[in-house]
C-alpha atoms as a PDB file:
ATOM      1  CA  ALA A   1     -11.020 -16.387  29.172  1.00  0.00           C
ATOM      2  CA  VAL A   2     -13.627 -18.822  30.488  1.00  0.00           C
ATOM      3  CA  ARG A   3     -15.542 -18.667  27.246  1.00  0.00           C
ATOM      4  CA  LYS A   4     -12.419 -19.337  25.218  1.00  0.00           C
ATOM      5  CA  GLY A   5     -11.624 -22.271  27.484  1.00  0.00           C
ATOM      6  CA  LEU A   6     -15.088 -23.719  27.031  1.00  0.00           C
ATOM      7  CA  VAL A   7     -14.848 -23.369  23.263  1.00  0.00           C
ATOM      8  CA  LEU A   8     -11.500 -25.171  23.142  1.00  0.00           C
ATOM      9  CA  ALA A   9     -12.684 -27.869  25.544  1.00  0.00           C
ATOM     10  CA  PHE A  10     -15.811 -28.541  23.504  1.00  0.00           C
ATOM     11  CA  ALA A  11     -13.883 -28.594  20.227  1.00  0.00           C
ATOM     12  CA  SER A  12     -11.463 -31.149  21.654  1.00  0.00           C
ATOM     13  CA  VAL A  13     -14.202 -33.734  22.117  1.00  0.00           C
ATOM     14  CA  LEU A  14     -15.678 -33.402  18.642  1.00  0.00           C
ATOM     15  CA  GLY A  15     -14.935 -36.461  16.551  1.00  0.00           C
ATOM     16  CA  THR A  16     -13.714 -35.299  13.143  1.00  0.00           C
ATOM     17  CA  ALA A  17     -11.468 -32.521  11.909  1.00  0.00           C
ATOM     18  CA  ASP A  18     -14.344 -31.170   9.816  1.00  0.00           C
ATOM     19  CA  ALA A  19     -16.600 -30.978  12.868  1.00  0.00           C
ATOM     20  CA  LYS A  20     -13.917 -29.271  14.924  1.00  0.00           C
ATOM     21  CA  ALA A  21     -13.138 -26.791  12.152  1.00  0.00           C
ATOM     22  CA  ALA A  22     -16.795 -25.899  11.588  1.00  0.00           C
ATOM     23  CA  PHE A  23     -17.380 -25.351  15.304  1.00  0.00           C
ATOM     24  CA  LEU A  24     -14.202 -23.289  15.810  1.00  0.00           C
ATOM     25  CA  GLU A  25     -14.880 -21.135  12.752  1.00  0.00           C
ATOM     26  CA  LYS A  26     -18.371 -20.330  14.016  1.00  0.00           C
ATOM     27  CA  ALA A  27     -17.073 -19.667  17.533  1.00  0.00           C
ATOM     28  CA  SER A  28     -14.336 -17.331  16.268  1.00  0.00           C
ATOM     29  CA  LYS A  29     -17.009 -14.999  14.902  1.00  0.00           C
ATOM     30  CA  SER A  30     -18.804 -14.701  18.221  1.00  0.00           C
ATOM     31  CA  LEU A  31     -15.924 -14.011  20.613  1.00  0.00           C
ATOM     32  CA  ASP A  32     -15.666 -10.418  21.822  1.00  0.00           C
ATOM     33  CA  PHE A  33     -12.056 -10.318  23.054  1.00  0.00           C
ATOM     34  CA  PRO A  34      -9.424 -10.016  20.288  1.00  0.00           C
ATOM     35  CA  ALA A  35      -6.879 -12.132  22.170  1.00  0.00           C
ATOM     36  CA  ASP A  36      -9.421 -14.929  22.604  1.00  0.00           C
ATOM     37  CA  LYS A  37     -10.423 -14.740  18.959  1.00  0.00           C
ATOM     38  CA  ALA A  38      -6.795 -14.974  17.846  1.00  0.00           C
ATOM     39  CA  GLU A  39      -6.252 -18.133  19.878  1.00  0.00           C
ATOM     40  CA  ILE A  40      -9.417 -19.739  18.511  1.00  0.00           C
ATOM     41  CA  LEU A  41      -8.334 -18.853  14.958  1.00  0.00           C
ATOM     42  CA  LEU A  42      -4.933 -20.372  15.676  1.00  0.00           C
ATOM     43  CA  ARG A  43      -6.501 -23.608  16.901  1.00  0.00           C
ATOM     44  CA  LEU A  44      -8.820 -23.663  13.876  1.00  0.00           C
ATOM     45  CA  ALA A  45      -5.853 -23.268  11.554  1.00  0.00           C
ATOM     46  CA  GLU A  46      -3.990 -26.058  13.349  1.00  0.00           C
ATOM     47  CA  VAL A  47      -6.962 -28.401  12.915  1.00  0.00           C
ATOM     48  CA  LEU A  48      -7.129 -27.640   9.194  1.00  0.00           C
ATOM     49  CA  TYR A  49      -3.363 -28.037   8.849  1.00  0.00           C
ATOM     50  CA  GLY A  50      -3.523 -31.427  10.529  1.00  0.00           C
ATOM     51  CA  ALA A  51      -6.209 -32.437   8.045  1.00  0.00           C
ATOM     52  CA  GLY A  52      -4.013 -31.408   5.103  1.00  0.00           C
ATOM     53  CA  SER A  53      -6.097 -28.350   4.153  1.00  0.00           C
ATOM     54  CA  TYR A  54      -3.031 -26.138   3.800  1.00  0.00           C
ATOM     55  CA  GLU A  55      -4.554 -23.336   1.750  1.00  0.00           C
ATOM     56  CA  LYS A  56      -7.514 -22.874   4.046  1.00  0.00           C
ATOM     57  CA  ALA A  57      -5.306 -23.211   7.124  1.00  0.00           C
ATOM     58  CA  ALA A  58      -2.992 -20.524   5.760  1.00  0.00           C
ATOM     59  CA  GLY A  59      -5.852 -18.042   5.633  1.00  0.00           C
ATOM     60  CA  PHE A  60      -6.708 -18.570   9.294  1.00  0.00           C
ATOM     61  CA  PHE A  61      -3.046 -18.568  10.360  1.00  0.00           C
ATOM     62  CA  ALA A  62      -2.662 -15.215   8.599  1.00  0.00           C
ATOM     63  CA  GLU A  63      -5.807 -13.870  10.275  1.00  0.00           C
ATOM     64  CA  ALA A  64      -4.570 -14.995  13.701  1.00  0.00           C
ATOM     65  CA  ALA A  65      -1.137 -13.453  13.098  1.00  0.00           C
ATOM     66  CA  SER A  66      -2.643 -10.068  12.232  1.00  0.00           C
ATOM     67  CA  ALA A  67      -5.365 -10.048  14.882  1.00  0.00           C
ATOM     68  CA  ALA A  68      -5.334  -6.954  17.079  1.00  0.00           C
ATOM     69  CA  GLY A  69      -4.575  -7.768  20.693  1.00  0.00           C
ATOM     70  CA  ALA A  70      -3.251 -11.241  19.970  1.00  0.00           C
ATOM     71  CA  PRO A  71      -0.545 -12.354  22.435  1.00  0.00           C
ATOM     72  CA  PRO A  72       2.984 -12.309  20.947  1.00  0.00           C
ATOM     73  CA  GLN A  73       3.330 -16.067  21.376  1.00  0.00           C
ATOM     74  CA  ALA A  74       0.102 -16.654  19.456  1.00  0.00           C
ATOM     75  CA  LYS A  75       1.267 -14.354  16.655  1.00  0.00           C
ATOM     76  CA  ALA A  76       4.619 -16.128  16.411  1.00  0.00           C
ATOM     77  CA  ALA A  77       2.892 -19.517  16.349  1.00  0.00           C
ATOM     78  CA  ALA A  78       0.476 -18.304  13.672  1.00  0.00           C
ATOM     79  CA  LEU A  79       3.326 -17.019  11.504  1.00  0.00           C
ATOM     80  CA  ALA A  80       5.123 -20.345  11.878  1.00  0.00           C
ATOM     81  CA  GLY A  81       1.969 -22.158  10.794  1.00  0.00           C
ATOM     82  CA  LEU A  82       1.535 -19.823   7.842  1.00  0.00           C
ATOM     83  CA  ALA A  83       5.143 -20.368   6.765  1.00  0.00           C
ATOM     84  CA  SER A  84       4.748 -24.124   6.996  1.00  0.00           C
ATOM     85  CA  CYS A  85       1.572 -24.009   4.901  1.00  0.00           C
ATOM     86  CA  ARG A  86       3.329 -21.981   2.236  1.00  0.00           C
ATOM     87  CA  GLY A  87       6.228 -24.399   2.240  1.00  0.00           C
ATOM     88  CA  LYS A  88       3.875 -27.370   1.895  1.00  0.00           C
ATOM     89  CA  THR A  89       2.307 -25.808  -1.205  1.00  0.00           C
ATOM     90  CA  GLY A  90       5.613 -24.796  -2.814  1.00  0.00           C
ATOM     91  CA  ARG A  91       5.252 -21.063  -2.187  1.00  0.00           C
ATOM     92  CA  THR A  92       8.712 -20.742  -0.713  1.00  0.00           C
ATOM     93  CA  ASP A  93       9.064 -16.987  -1.143  1.00  0.00           C
ATOM     94  CA  GLU A  94       5.962 -16.484   0.989  1.00  0.00           C
ATOM     95  CA  ALA A  95       7.292 -19.010   3.505  1.00  0.00           C
ATOM     96  CA  LEU A  96      10.538 -17.038   3.731  1.00  0.00           C
ATOM     97  CA  LYS A  97       8.587 -13.845   4.332  1.00  0.00           C
ATOM     98  CA  ALA A  98       6.613 -15.394   7.201  1.00  0.00           C
ATOM     99  CA  TYR A  99       9.723 -16.931   8.745  1.00  0.00           C
ATOM    100  CA  GLY A 100      11.448 -13.571   8.387  1.00  0.00           C
ATOM    101  CA  SER A 101       8.657 -11.896  10.331  1.00  0.00           C
ATOM    102  CA  ILE A 102       9.240 -14.317  13.213  1.00  0.00           C
ATOM    103  CA  ILE A 103      12.990 -13.669  13.175  1.00  0.00           C
ATOM    104  CA  GLU A 104      12.554  -9.888  13.111  1.00  0.00           C
ATOM    105  CA  GLN A 105       9.482  -9.412  15.321  1.00  0.00           C
ATOM    106  CA  PHE A 106       9.766 -12.323  17.768  1.00  0.00           C
ATOM    107  CA  PRO A 107      13.487 -13.120  18.118  1.00  0.00           C
ATOM    108  CA  SER A 108      13.018 -14.615  21.589  1.00  0.00           C
ATOM    109  CA  SER A 109      10.053 -16.808  20.704  1.00  0.00           C
ATOM    110  CA  GLU A 110      10.207 -20.580  20.760  1.00  0.00           C
ATOM    111  CA  GLN A 111       9.470 -20.510  17.014  1.00  0.00           C
ATOM    112  CA  CYS A 112      12.552 -18.442  16.140  1.00  0.00           C
ATOM    113  CA  PRO A 113      15.140 -21.269  16.028  1.00  0.00           C
ATOM    114  CA  ASP A 114      13.003 -23.276  13.624  1.00  0.00           C
ATOM    115  CA  ALA A 115      12.319 -20.149  11.540  1.00  0.00           C
ATOM    116  CA  LEU A 116      16.080 -19.651  11.199  1.00  0.00           C
ATOM    117  CA  LEU A 117      16.656 -23.290  10.262  1.00  0.00           C
ATOM    118  CA  GLN A 118      13.773 -23.579   7.792  1.00  0.00           C
ATOM    119  CA  SER A 119      14.703 -20.272   6.154  1.00  0.00           C
ATOM    120  CA  SER A 120      18.284 -21.439   5.704  1.00  0.00           C
ATOM    121  CA  ILE A 121      17.152 -24.710   4.105  1.00  0.00           C
ATOM    122  CA  ILE A 122      14.925 -22.815   1.664  1.00  0.00           C
ATOM    123  CA  LEU A 123      17.808 -20.488   0.827  1.00  0.00           C
ATOM    124  CA  LEU A 124      20.171 -23.425   0.290  1.00  0.00           C
ATOM    125  CA  ASN A 125      17.661 -24.903  -2.143  1.00  0.00           C
ATOM    126  CA  LYS A 126      17.634 -21.534  -3.898  1.00  0.00           C
ATOM    127  CA  LYS A 127      21.469 -21.712  -4.119  1.00  0.00           C
ATOM    128  CA  ASP A 128      21.892 -18.710  -1.797  1.00  0.00           C
ATOM    129  CA  GLY A 129      24.527 -20.204   0.467  1.00  0.00           C
ATOM    130  CA  ALA A 130      25.733 -16.864   1.843  1.00  0.00           C
ATOM    131  CA  ALA A 131      22.316 -15.841   3.155  1.00  0.00           C
ATOM    132  CA  ALA A 132      21.717 -19.347   4.514  1.00  0.00           C
ATOM    133  CA  GLU A 133      25.074 -19.300   6.295  1.00  0.00           C
ATOM    134  CA  ASN A 134      24.225 -16.019   8.049  1.00  0.00           C
ATOM    135  CA  LEU A 135      21.000 -17.469   9.438  1.00  0.00           C
ATOM    136  CA  LEU A 136      22.654 -20.719  10.473  1.00  0.00           C
ATOM    137  CA  ARG A 137      25.398 -18.840  12.303  1.00  0.00           C
ATOM    138  CA  LYS A 138      22.743 -16.829  14.131  1.00  0.00           C
ATOM    139  CA  LEU A 139      20.955 -20.008  15.166  1.00  0.00           C
ATOM    140  CA  ALA A 140      24.191 -21.599  16.378  1.00  0.00           C
ATOM    141  CA  ALA A 141      25.297 -18.484  18.282  1.00  0.00           C
ATOM    142  CA  ASP A 142      22.012 -17.243  19.757  1.00  0.00           C
ATOM    143  CA  PHE A 143      20.331 -20.540  20.639  1.00  0.00           C
ATOM    144  CA  LYS A 144      23.083 -22.655  22.151  1.00  0.00           C
ATOM    145  CA  ASP A 145      20.626 -24.812  24.105  1.00  0.00           C
ATOM    146  CA  SER A 146      18.233 -25.405  21.230  1.00  0.00           C
ATOM    147  CA  PRO A 147      17.873 -28.991  19.983  1.00  0.00           C
ATOM    148  CA  LEU A 148      18.052 -27.461  16.496  1.00  0.00           C
ATOM    149  CA  ARG A 149      21.587 -26.154  17.010  1.00  0.00           C
ATOM    150  CA  PRO A 150      23.241 -29.411  15.802  1.00  0.00           C
ATOM    151  CA  TYR A 151      21.303 -29.076  12.548  1.00  0.00           C
ATOM    152  CA  ALA A 152      22.675 -25.569  12.099  1.00  0.00           C
ATOM    153  CA  ILE A 153      26.209 -26.865  12.635  1.00  0.00           C
ATOM    154  CA  PHE A 154      25.602 -29.691  10.168  1.00  0.00           C
ATOM    155  CA  TYR A 155      24.357 -27.355   7.452  1.00  0.00           C
ATOM    156  CA  LEU A 156      27.258 -24.996   8.070  1.00  0.00           C
ATOM    157  CA  GLY A 157      29.508 -28.006   7.526  1.00  0.00           C
ATOM    158  CA  TYR A 158      27.573 -28.891   4.396  1.00  0.00           C
ATOM    159  CA  ILE A 159      28.106 -25.376   3.019  1.00  0.00           C
ATOM    160  CA  LYS A 160      31.857 -25.653   3.673  1.00  0.00           C
ATOM    161  CA  PHE A 161      31.898 -29.137   2.153  1.00  0.00           C
ATOM    162  CA  ALA A 162      30.101 -27.961  -0.983  1.00  0.00           C
ATOM    163  CA  SER A 163      32.497 -25.026  -1.386  1.00  0.00           C
ATOM    164  CA  GLY A 164      35.521 -27.318  -1.163  1.00  0.00           C
ATOM    165  CA  SER A 165      36.647 -26.268   2.321  1.00  0.00           C
ATOM    166  CA  ARG A 166      36.921 -29.850   3.502  1.00  0.00           C
ATOM    167  CA  GLY A 167      39.013 -29.044   6.576  1.00  0.00           C
ATOM    168  CA  ASP A 168      36.450 -26.561   7.897  1.00  0.00           C
ATOM    169  CA  ALA A 169      33.656 -28.985   7.060  1.00  0.00           C
ATOM    170  CA  GLU A 170      35.371 -31.765   8.999  1.00  0.00           C
ATOM    171  CA  LYS A 171      35.597 -29.619  12.146  1.00  0.00           C
ATOM    172  CA  LEU A 172      31.926 -28.742  11.968  1.00  0.00           C
ATOM    173  CA  PHE A 173      30.848 -32.329  11.355  1.00  0.00           C
ATOM    174  CA  LEU A 174      32.920 -33.473  14.326  1.00  0.00           C
ATOM    175  CA  GLU A 175      31.225 -30.824  16.460  1.00  0.00           C
ATOM    176  CA  VAL A 176      27.844 -32.307  15.568  1.00  0.00           C
ATOM    177  CA  LEU A 177      29.015 -35.792  16.542  1.00  0.00           C
ATOM    178  CA  LYS A 178      30.257 -34.528  19.920  1.00  0.00           C
ATOM    179  CA  THR A 179      26.800 -33.215  20.780  1.00  0.00           C
ATOM    180  CA  GLU A 180      24.951 -35.334  23.327  1.00  0.00           C
ATOM    181  CA  GLY A 181      21.584 -36.722  22.300  1.00  0.00           C
ATOM    182  CA  VAL A 182      21.913 -35.820  18.625  1.00  0.00           C
ATOM    183  CA  ASP A 183      19.171 -37.214  16.402  1.00  0.00           C
ATOM    184  CA  PRO A 184      20.230 -40.623  14.973  1.00  0.00           C
ATOM    185  CA  ALA A 185      19.311 -39.642  11.414  1.00  0.00           C
ATOM    186  CA  LEU A 186      21.366 -36.456  11.692  1.00  0.00           C
ATOM    187  CA  GLU A 187      24.250 -38.428  13.178  1.00  0.00           C
ATOM    188  CA  SER A 188      24.130 -40.863  10.262  1.00  0.00           C
ATOM    189  CA  ASP A 189      24.155 -38.056   7.665  1.00  0.00           C
ATOM    190  CA  THR A 190      26.971 -36.324   9.507  1.00  0.00           C
ATOM    191  CA  ARG A 191      29.134 -39.464   9.558  1.00  0.00           C
ATOM    192  CA  LEU A 192      28.550 -39.921   5.841  1.00  0.00           C
ATOM    193  CA  TYR A 193      29.630 -36.376   4.977  1.00  0.00           C
ATOM    194  CA  LEU A 194      32.549 -36.635   7.393  1.00  0.00           C
ATOM    195  CA  ALA A 195      33.775 -39.736   5.540  1.00  0.00           C
ATOM    196  CA  TRP A 196      33.410 -37.924   2.223  1.00  0.00           C
ATOM    197  CA  SER A 197      35.375 -34.968   3.559  1.00  0.00           C
ATOM    198  CA  PHE A 198      38.431 -37.203   3.824  1.00  0.00           C
ATOM    199  CA  ILE A 199      38.256 -38.267   0.180  1.00  0.00           C
END
Protein backbone atom coordinates (compact mmCIF):
# COMPACT_ATOMS: atom_id res chain seq x y z
CA ALA A 1 0.00 0.00 0.00
CA VAL A 2 2.92 2.31 0.78
CA ARG A 3 4.46 1.65 -2.60
CA LYS A 4 1.20 2.40 -4.37
CA GLY A 5 0.89 5.61 -2.37
CA LEU A 6 4.39 6.68 -3.31
CA VAL A 7 3.72 5.98 -6.98
CA LEU A 8 0.54 8.06 -6.96
CA ALA A 9 2.19 10.86 -5.00
CA PHE A 10 5.12 11.04 -7.39
CA ALA A 11 2.86 10.94 -10.45
CA SER A 12 0.82 13.84 -9.08
CA VAL A 13 3.79 16.20 -9.17
CA LEU A 14 4.86 15.39 -12.72
CA GLY A 15 4.14 18.28 -15.04
CA THR A 16 2.48 16.90 -18.17
CA ALA A 17 -0.11 14.23 -18.87
CA ASP A 18 2.41 12.42 -21.08
CA ALA A 19 4.96 12.33 -18.26
CA LYS A 20 2.38 11.08 -15.78
CA ALA A 21 1.11 8.42 -18.17
CA ALA A 22 4.61 7.15 -18.99
CA PHE A 23 5.54 6.92 -15.31
CA LEU A 24 2.28 5.22 -14.28
CA GLU A 25 2.45 2.72 -17.14
CA LYS A 26 5.98 1.73 -16.14
CA ALA A 27 5.02 1.54 -12.46
CA SER A 28 1.98 -0.65 -13.19
CA LYS A 29 4.30 -3.34 -14.55
CA SER A 30 6.41 -3.47 -11.41
CA LEU A 31 3.75 -3.65 -8.69
CA ASP A 32 3.34 -7.07 -7.08
CA PHE A 33 -0.12 -6.72 -5.50
CA PRO A 34 -3.05 -7.05 -7.94
CA ALA A 35 -5.20 -4.54 -6.06
CA ASP A 36 -2.41 -1.95 -6.18
CA LYS A 37 -1.82 -2.59 -9.87
CA ALA A 38 -5.51 -2.14 -10.64
CA GLU A 39 -5.58 1.24 -8.92
CA ILE A 40 -2.46 2.41 -10.75
CA LEU A 41 -3.99 1.27 -14.06
CA LEU A 42 -7.16 3.16 -13.19
CA ARG A 43 -5.21 6.35 -12.48
CA LEU A 44 -3.23 5.89 -15.70
CA ALA A 45 -6.45 5.54 -17.67
CA GLU A 46 -7.88 8.65 -16.01
CA VAL A 47 -4.80 10.66 -16.99
CA LEU A 48 -5.09 9.52 -20.60
CA TYR A 49 -8.83 10.22 -20.62
CA GLY A 50 -8.21 13.73 -19.34
CA ALA A 51 -5.74 14.24 -22.17
CA GLY A 52 -8.31 13.13 -24.75
CA SER A 53 -6.59 9.81 -25.56
CA TYR A 54 -9.85 7.87 -25.37
CA GLU A 55 -8.78 4.75 -27.25
CA LYS A 56 -5.64 4.25 -25.21
CA ALA A 57 -7.47 5.09 -21.99
CA ALA A 58 -10.13 2.50 -22.82
CA GLY A 59 -7.51 -0.23 -22.96
CA PHE A 60 -6.23 0.58 -19.48
CA PHE A 61 -9.74 1.02 -18.06
CA ALA A 62 -10.58 -2.45 -19.40
CA GLU A 63 -7.39 -3.90 -17.91
CA ALA A 64 -8.16 -2.33 -14.52
CA ALA A 65 -11.75 -3.61 -14.61
CA SER A 66 -10.62 -7.18 -15.25
CA ALA A 67 -7.64 -7.19 -12.89
CA ALA A 68 -7.69 -10.03 -10.38
CA GLY A 69 -7.99 -8.80 -6.82
CA ALA A 70 -9.10 -5.31 -7.78
CA PRO A 71 -11.43 -3.71 -5.20
CA PRO A 72 -15.09 -3.58 -6.32
CA GLN A 73 -15.08 0.22 -6.27
CA ALA A 74 -12.04 0.31 -8.55
CA LYS A 75 -13.68 -2.14 -10.96
CA ALA A 76 -16.89 -0.10 -11.06
CA ALA A 77 -14.91 3.09 -11.66
CA ALA A 78 -12.90 1.41 -14.41
CA LEU A 79 -16.06 0.18 -16.14
CA ALA A 80 -17.53 3.67 -15.95
CA GLY A 81 -14.38 5.07 -17.53
CA LEU A 82 -14.45 2.43 -20.24
CA ALA A 83 -18.10 3.19 -21.01
CA SER A 84 -17.38 6.90 -21.23
CA CYS A 85 -14.46 6.29 -23.60
CA ARG A 86 -16.65 4.17 -25.85
CA GLY A 87 -19.33 6.83 -25.82
CA LYS A 88 -16.80 9.53 -26.71
CA THR A 89 -15.70 7.53 -29.76
CA GLY A 90 -19.23 6.67 -30.92
CA ARG A 91 -19.11 3.00 -29.93
CA THR A 92 -22.40 3.14 -28.10
CA ASP A 93 -23.10 -0.59 -28.08
CA GLU A 94 -19.84 -1.16 -26.22
CA ALA A 95 -20.68 1.71 -23.88
CA LEU A 96 -24.04 0.08 -23.12
CA LYS A 97 -22.30 -3.20 -22.37
CA ALA A 98 -19.91 -1.56 -19.90
CA TYR A 99 -22.70 0.40 -18.23
CA GLY A 100 -24.72 -2.81 -18.05
CA SER A 101 -21.88 -4.53 -16.22
CA ILE A 102 -21.95 -1.79 -13.58
CA ILE A 103 -25.73 -2.09 -13.18
CA GLU A 104 -25.60 -5.89 -12.87
CA GLN A 105 -22.36 -6.42 -10.93
CA PHE A 106 -22.15 -3.26 -8.80
CA PRO A 107 -25.73 -2.10 -8.18
CA SER A 108 -24.78 -0.32 -4.95
CA SER A 109 -21.76 1.50 -6.36
CA GLU A 110 -21.60 5.25 -6.69
CA GLN A 111 -21.27 4.75 -10.46
CA CYS A 112 -24.59 2.89 -10.80
CA PRO A 113 -26.94 5.92 -10.97
CA ASP A 114 -24.92 7.47 -13.77
CA ALA A 115 -24.71 4.10 -15.56
CA LEU A 116 -28.52 3.92 -15.48
CA LEU A 117 -28.90 7.48 -16.74
CA GLN A 118 -26.28 7.26 -19.50
CA SER A 119 -27.64 3.91 -20.67
CA SER A 120 -31.15 5.34 -20.89
CA ILE A 121 -29.93 8.32 -22.94
CA ILE A 122 -28.14 6.00 -25.36
CA LEU A 123 -31.27 3.87 -25.66
CA LEU A 124 -33.44 6.94 -26.27
CA ASN A 125 -31.09 7.94 -29.09
CA LYS A 126 -31.52 4.42 -30.46
CA LYS A 127 -35.33 4.93 -30.32
CA ASP A 128 -35.74 2.22 -27.66
CA GLY A 129 -37.99 4.17 -25.32
CA ALA A 130 -39.31 1.11 -23.48
CA ALA A 131 -35.87 -0.09 -22.41
CA ALA A 132 -34.84 3.47 -21.50
CA GLU A 133 -37.98 3.90 -19.41
CA ASN A 134 -37.22 0.75 -17.40
CA LEU A 135 -33.76 2.03 -16.50
CA LEU A 136 -35.02 5.50 -15.66
CA ARG A 137 -37.70 4.07 -13.38
CA LYS A 138 -35.03 2.02 -11.62
CA LEU A 139 -32.90 5.11 -11.11
CA ALA A 140 -35.84 7.10 -9.77
CA ALA A 141 -36.99 4.31 -7.44
CA ASP A 142 -33.67 2.92 -6.17
CA PHE A 143 -31.65 6.13 -5.82
CA LYS A 144 -34.04 8.62 -4.28
CA ASP A 145 -31.23 10.73 -2.82
CA SER A 146 -29.11 10.81 -5.96
CA PRO A 147 -28.60 14.21 -7.62
CA LEU A 148 -29.28 12.36 -10.89
CA ARG A 149 -32.83 11.44 -9.89
CA PRO A 150 -34.34 14.70 -11.28
CA TYR A 151 -32.79 13.87 -14.65
CA ALA A 152 -34.48 10.47 -14.58
CA ILE A 153 -37.82 12.13 -13.84
CA PHE A 154 -37.26 14.63 -16.65
CA TYR A 155 -36.50 11.93 -19.21
CA LEU A 156 -39.50 9.92 -18.05
CA GLY A 157 -41.55 13.06 -18.70
CA TYR A 158 -39.89 13.45 -22.08
CA ILE A 159 -40.85 9.87 -23.01
CA LYS A 160 -44.47 10.56 -22.02
CA PHE A 161 -44.40 13.86 -23.90
CA ALA A 162 -43.05 12.22 -27.05
CA SER A 163 -45.70 9.49 -26.90
CA GLY A 164 -48.49 12.06 -26.63
CA SER A 165 -49.32 11.47 -22.96
CA ARG A 166 -49.17 15.16 -22.15
CA GLY A 167 -50.98 14.86 -18.82
CA ASP A 168 -48.50 12.30 -17.49
CA ALA A 169 -45.63 14.36 -18.86
CA GLU A 170 -46.90 17.46 -17.07
CA LYS A 171 -46.96 15.67 -13.71
CA LEU A 172 -43.41 14.45 -14.15
CA PHE A 173 -42.11 17.84 -15.25
CA LEU A 174 -43.76 19.46 -12.23
CA GLU A 175 -42.06 16.89 -10.00
CA VAL A 176 -38.69 17.97 -11.37
CA LEU A 177 -39.46 21.62 -10.67
CA LYS A 178 -40.44 20.82 -7.07
CA THR A 179 -37.02 19.29 -6.42
CA GLU A 180 -34.75 21.47 -4.31
CA GLY A 181 -31.41 22.44 -5.80
CA VAL A 182 -32.20 21.21 -9.31
CA ASP A 183 -29.61 22.12 -11.93
CA PRO A 184 -30.54 25.45 -13.61
CA ALA A 185 -30.09 24.04 -17.11
CA LEU A 186 -32.35 21.10 -16.29
CA GLU A 187 -34.89 23.47 -14.75
CA SER A 188 -34.89 25.58 -17.91
CA ASP A 189 -35.42 22.54 -20.17
CA THR A 190 -38.15 21.26 -17.89
CA ARG A 191 -40.03 24.58 -17.97
CA LEU A 192 -39.82 24.61 -21.75
CA TYR A 193 -41.27 21.11 -22.11
CA LEU A 194 -43.88 21.87 -19.47
CA ALA A 195 -45.04 24.87 -21.51
CA TRP A 196 -45.18 22.71 -24.64
CA SER A 197 -47.22 20.09 -22.80
CA PHE A 198 -50.04 22.61 -22.48
CA ILE A 199 -50.17 23.29 -26.22
